Amino acid sequence: MGNENLHPKGNEDVDGKSASDKYVTIFVEAKQHRWPKNEPISFAQVVKLEVPDYDPDSPITYSVKWTRGNGDKPEGILVPGASVKVKDGIRFTVSETGQS
């Protein structure tokens, strides 16, 4: 489990960067995931990495916290509808908070 998809093998892309240069490793509940380097991640996307059948319309609610984020915002709480910039090694925790 784990690292086999984190650093894809292959040729360089048109811009001269290998595919692995375009992704960072993020952690959701200690599980590694690859994420596009300059693409923010939303609340729903984080929850879906932990709870694949997550439905925003479900009565079950979640809270998302992050640590080891960017220097200007190294930690915080991600709320529904919001997103955060990712960096290599950012860590997310997803907790079920009960019924809405």
C-alpha atoms as a PDB file:
ATOM      1  CA  MET A   1       0.000   0.000   0.000  1.00  0.00           C
ATOM      2  CA  GLY A   2       1.087   3.520  -0.416  1.00  0.00           C
ATOM      3  CA  ASN A   3       3.981   4.749  -2.445  1.00  0.00           C
ATOM      4  CA  GLU A   4       3.561   2.997  -5.769  1.00  0.00           C
ATOM      5  CA  ASN A   5       1.613   5.885  -7.354  1.00  0.00           C
ATOM      6  CA  LEU A   6       3.323   8.789  -5.659  1.00  0.00           C
ATOM      7  CA  HIS A   7       6.165   9.231  -8.124  1.00  0.00           C
ATOM      8  CA  PRO A   8       5.078   8.078 -11.547  1.00  0.00           C
ATOM      9  CA  LYS A   9       7.763   6.805 -13.846  1.00  0.00           C
ATOM     10  CA  GLY A  10       7.852   8.175 -17.301  1.00  0.00           C
ATOM     11  CA  ASN A  11       9.109  10.788 -19.645  1.00  0.00           C
ATOM     12  CA  GLU A  12       9.323  14.478 -19.196  1.00  0.00           C
ATOM     13  CA  ASP A  13       6.341  16.550 -20.168  1.00  0.00           C
ATOM     14  CA  VAL A  14       6.383  19.249 -22.848  1.00  0.00           C
ATOM     15  CA  ASP A  15       7.582  21.859 -20.364  1.00  0.00           C
ATOM     16  CA  GLY A  16      10.585  19.746 -19.359  1.00  0.00           C
ATOM     17  CA  LYS A  17       9.251  18.710 -15.976  1.00  0.00           C
ATOM     18  CA  SER A  18       8.609  15.110 -15.081  1.00  0.00           C
ATOM     19  CA  ALA A  19       5.121  14.158 -13.972  1.00  0.00           C
ATOM     20  CA  SER A  20       6.332  13.841 -10.366  1.00  0.00           C
ATOM     21  CA  ASP A  21       7.387  17.525 -10.393  1.00  0.00           C
ATOM     22  CA  LYS A  22       3.769  18.515 -10.968  1.00  0.00           C
ATOM     23  CA  TYR A  23       2.365  16.822  -7.848  1.00  0.00           C
ATOM     24  CA  VAL A  24       2.842  17.094  -4.124  1.00  0.00           C
ATOM     25  CA  THR A  25       2.214  14.483  -1.473  1.00  0.00           C
ATOM     26  CA  ILE A  26      -0.615  15.321   0.903  1.00  0.00           C
ATOM     27  CA  PHE A  27      -1.811  13.264   3.850  1.00  0.00           C
ATOM     28  CA  VAL A  28      -5.435  12.693   4.793  1.00  0.00           C
ATOM     29  CA  GLU A  29      -5.710  10.767   8.047  1.00  0.00           C
ATOM     30  CA  ALA A  30      -2.077   9.631   7.578  1.00  0.00           C
ATOM     31  CA  LYS A  31      -2.792   8.165   4.114  1.00  0.00           C
ATOM     32  CA  GLN A  32      -0.652   9.530   1.298  1.00  0.00           C
ATOM     33  CA  HIS A  33      -2.293  11.047  -1.763  1.00  0.00           C
ATOM     34  CA  ARG A  34      -0.908  12.868  -4.791  1.00  0.00           C
ATOM     35  CA  TRP A  35      -2.364  16.273  -5.552  1.00  0.00           C
ATOM     36  CA  PRO A  36      -1.578  18.720  -8.393  1.00  0.00           C
ATOM     37  CA  LYS A  37       1.101  21.082  -7.135  1.00  0.00           C
ATOM     38  CA  ASN A  38      -0.607  24.444  -7.692  1.00  0.00           C
ATOM     39  CA  GLU A  39      -4.229  23.366  -7.316  1.00  0.00           C
ATOM     40  CA  PRO A  40      -6.049  24.263  -4.094  1.00  0.00           C
ATOM     41  CA  ILE A  41      -8.033  21.490  -2.431  1.00  0.00           C
ATOM     42  CA  SER A  42     -11.600  22.026  -1.269  1.00  0.00           C
ATOM     43  CA  PHE A  43     -13.375  20.830   1.843  1.00  0.00           C
ATOM     44  CA  ALA A  44     -15.421  18.320  -0.210  1.00  0.00           C
ATOM     45  CA  GLN A  45     -12.317  16.993  -1.993  1.00  0.00           C
ATOM     46  CA  VAL A  46     -10.523  16.354   1.307  1.00  0.00           C
ATOM     47  CA  VAL A  47     -13.561  14.621   2.800  1.00  0.00           C
ATOM     48  CA  LYS A  48     -13.968  12.460  -0.341  1.00  0.00           C
ATOM     49  CA  LEU A  49     -10.368  11.271  -0.048  1.00  0.00           C
ATOM     50  CA  GLU A  50     -11.240   9.921   3.420  1.00  0.00           C
ATOM     51  CA  VAL A  51     -14.923   9.064   2.848  1.00  0.00           C
ATOM     52  CA  PRO A  52     -15.259   8.124  -0.846  1.00  0.00           C
ATOM     53  CA  ASP A  53     -19.067   7.999  -0.741  1.00  0.00           C
ATOM     54  CA  TYR A  54     -19.319  11.429   0.948  1.00  0.00           C
ATOM     55  CA  ASP A  55     -22.508  13.269   0.006  1.00  0.00           C
ATOM     56  CA  PRO A  56     -22.662  16.963   0.914  1.00  0.00           C
ATOM     57  CA  ASP A  57     -26.440  16.629   1.228  1.00  0.00           C
ATOM     58  CA  SER A  58     -26.156  13.851   3.810  1.00  0.00           C
ATOM     59  CA  PRO A  59     -27.212  14.590   7.389  1.00  0.00           C
ATOM     60  CA  ILE A  60     -23.750  13.409   8.516  1.00  0.00           C
ATOM     61  CA  THR A  61     -21.370  16.340   8.868  1.00  0.00           C
ATOM     62  CA  TYR A  62     -17.578  16.479   8.997  1.00  0.00           C
ATOM     63  CA  SER A  63     -14.901  18.829  10.219  1.00  0.00           C
ATOM     64  CA  VAL A  64     -11.566  19.197   8.432  1.00  0.00           C
ATOM     65  CA  LYS A  65      -8.386  20.578   9.986  1.00  0.00           C
ATOM     66  CA  TRP A  66      -4.966  20.961   8.433  1.00  0.00           C
ATOM     67  CA  THR A  67      -1.411  21.314   9.712  1.00  0.00           C
ATOM     68  CA  ARG A  68       1.967  21.773   8.018  1.00  0.00           C
ATOM     69  CA  GLY A  69       0.431  24.124   5.470  1.00  0.00           C
ATOM     70  CA  ASN A  70       1.924  27.131   3.712  1.00  0.00           C
ATOM     71  CA  GLY A  71       4.015  29.568   5.746  1.00  0.00           C
ATOM     72  CA  ASP A  72       1.327  32.277   5.807  1.00  0.00           C
ATOM     73  CA  LYS A  73      -1.319  29.786   6.993  1.00  0.00           C
ATOM     74  CA  PRO A  74       0.408  26.723   8.478  1.00  0.00           C
ATOM     75  CA  GLU A  75      -2.730  25.355  10.137  1.00  0.00           C
ATOM     76  CA  GLY A  76      -6.440  25.929  10.191  1.00  0.00           C
ATOM     77  CA  ILE A  77      -9.963  24.641   9.810  1.00  0.00           C
ATOM     78  CA  LEU A  78     -11.441  24.028   6.371  1.00  0.00           C
ATOM     79  CA  VAL A  79     -15.166  24.717   6.149  1.00  0.00           C
ATOM     80  CA  PRO A  80     -17.684  23.571   3.527  1.00  0.00           C
ATOM     81  CA  GLY A  81     -17.336  25.637   0.370  1.00  0.00           C
ATOM     82  CA  ALA A  82     -13.768  26.731   1.173  1.00  0.00           C
ATOM     83  CA  SER A  83     -10.402  25.554  -0.141  1.00  0.00           C
ATOM     84  CA  VAL A  84      -6.761  25.810   0.885  1.00  0.00           C
ATOM     85  CA  LYS A  85      -3.461  25.913  -1.017  1.00  0.00           C
ATOM     86  CA  VAL A  86      -1.556  22.668  -0.763  1.00  0.00           C
ATOM     87  CA  LYS A  87       2.125  22.135  -0.215  1.00  0.00           C
ATOM     88  CA  ASP A  88       4.181  18.997  -0.028  1.00  0.00           C
ATOM     89  CA  GLY A  89       3.543  17.277   3.302  1.00  0.00           C
ATOM     90  CA  ILE A  90       0.366  19.144   4.294  1.00  0.00           C
ATOM     91  CA  ARG A  91      -1.714  16.998   6.646  1.00  0.00           C
ATOM     92  CA  PHE A  92      -5.490  16.867   6.964  1.00  0.00           C
ATOM     93  CA  THR A  93      -7.673  15.289   9.618  1.00  0.00           C
ATOM     94  CA  VAL A  94     -11.313  14.529   8.867  1.00  0.00           C
ATOM     95  CA  SER A  95     -13.693  13.956  11.748  1.00  0.00           C
ATOM     96  CA  GLU A  96     -17.349  13.006  11.645  1.00  0.00           C
ATOM     97  CA  THR A  97     -19.151  15.580  13.746  1.00  0.00           C
ATOM     98  CA  GLY A  98     -22.576  13.949  13.756  1.00  0.00           C
ATOM     99  CA  GLN A  99     -25.913  14.960  12.342  1.00  0.00           C
ATOM    100  CA  SER A 100     -26.563  18.413  10.940  1.00  0.00           C
END
